[in-house]
Amino acid sequence: MGNQPVKQQEREEILLKVVPPLDRAYVRWLARDVARIHGFTPRNPRAVKPPEHYIEYMRLNGWLDVNLDDPDLAHLFK
């Protein structure tokens, strides 16, 4: 009684991934464009002040109590 397990049939399948040929000029242009976008850094980034509720949350958790004379942080202020 009850359900009988189904016998697994072995199927031999070979999966191939076919890539269409790409134009070399397009690939070069795409690589240069991606490098330009990901390598972009603004020259004079402005400091951004977080919203007040973020500041209050950080103050409550003690994250704003930073000693700027700490030798572990000295490399950040060079």
Protein backbone atom coordinates (compact mmCIF):
# COMPACT_ATOMS: atom_id res chain seq x y z
CA MET A 1 0.00 0.00 0.00
CA GLY A 2 1.05 3.61 -0.40
CA ASN A 3 2.94 5.35 -3.11
CA GLN A 4 5.65 3.51 -4.95
CA PRO A 5 8.93 5.36 -5.55
CA VAL A 6 9.41 6.34 -9.16
CA LYS A 7 12.38 4.75 -10.84
CA GLN A 8 14.88 7.36 -11.99
CA GLN A 9 15.74 7.05 -15.64
CA GLU A 10 19.28 7.96 -16.51
CA ARG A 11 19.47 10.41 -19.34
CA GLU A 12 22.77 11.42 -20.78
CA GLU A 13 22.58 15.11 -21.57
CA ILE A 14 25.41 17.30 -22.66
CA LEU A 15 24.80 21.00 -22.07
CA LEU A 16 26.63 23.44 -24.31
CA LYS A 17 26.87 27.16 -23.86
CA VAL A 18 27.04 28.79 -27.24
CA VAL A 19 28.32 32.36 -27.39
CA PRO A 20 27.82 34.34 -30.56
CA PRO A 21 30.95 35.92 -32.02
CA LEU A 22 31.68 39.38 -30.62
CA ASP A 23 33.01 42.32 -32.55
CA ARG A 24 36.51 43.16 -31.27
CA ALA A 25 35.96 46.90 -31.63
CA TYR A 26 32.77 46.67 -29.55
CA VAL A 27 34.52 44.63 -26.84
CA ARG A 28 37.37 47.17 -26.70
CA TRP A 29 34.90 50.06 -26.48
CA LEU A 30 32.88 48.28 -23.77
CA ALA A 31 35.99 47.49 -21.70
CA ARG A 32 37.18 51.11 -21.94
CA ASP A 33 33.73 52.42 -21.03
CA VAL A 34 33.40 50.12 -18.01
CA ALA A 35 36.90 51.09 -16.81
CA ARG A 36 36.02 54.78 -17.18
CA ILE A 37 32.79 54.43 -15.21
CA HIS A 38 34.26 52.32 -12.39
CA GLY A 39 37.44 54.36 -12.17
CA PHE A 40 35.62 57.68 -11.73
CA THR A 41 36.34 59.62 -8.53
CA PRO A 42 35.15 63.18 -8.00
CA ARG A 43 37.93 65.79 -7.68
CA ASN A 44 36.66 67.74 -4.69
CA PRO A 45 34.09 65.59 -2.91
CA ARG A 46 31.96 67.58 -0.49
CA ALA A 47 31.49 66.37 3.06
CA VAL A 48 27.99 65.06 3.61
CA LYS A 49 26.31 65.62 6.96
CA PRO A 50 24.12 62.66 7.93
CA PRO A 51 20.52 63.23 9.04
CA GLU A 52 19.97 64.11 12.69
CA HIS A 53 18.38 60.77 13.58
CA TYR A 54 21.52 58.97 12.33
CA ILE A 55 23.69 61.20 14.50
CA GLU A 56 21.47 60.58 17.52
CA TYR A 57 21.56 56.81 16.93
CA MET A 58 25.36 56.86 16.67
CA ARG A 59 25.64 59.00 19.81
CA LEU A 60 23.43 56.57 21.76
CA ASN A 61 25.60 53.61 20.69
CA GLY A 62 28.83 55.41 21.55
CA TRP A 63 30.05 55.48 17.95
CA LEU A 64 30.76 59.22 18.02
CA ASP A 65 33.14 59.01 20.98
CA VAL A 66 36.35 58.91 18.94
CA ASN A 67 39.71 60.04 20.26
CA LEU A 68 41.48 61.71 17.33
CA ASP A 69 44.87 61.26 19.06
CA ASP A 70 44.49 57.47 19.01
CA PRO A 71 47.62 55.93 17.38
CA ASP A 72 45.44 53.30 15.68
CA LEU A 73 43.63 56.08 13.80
CA ALA A 74 46.72 58.17 13.01
CA HIS A 75 47.09 56.73 9.50
CA LEU A 76 43.60 58.01 8.62
CA PHE A 77 44.50 61.64 9.30
CA LYS A 78 47.80 61.88 7.40
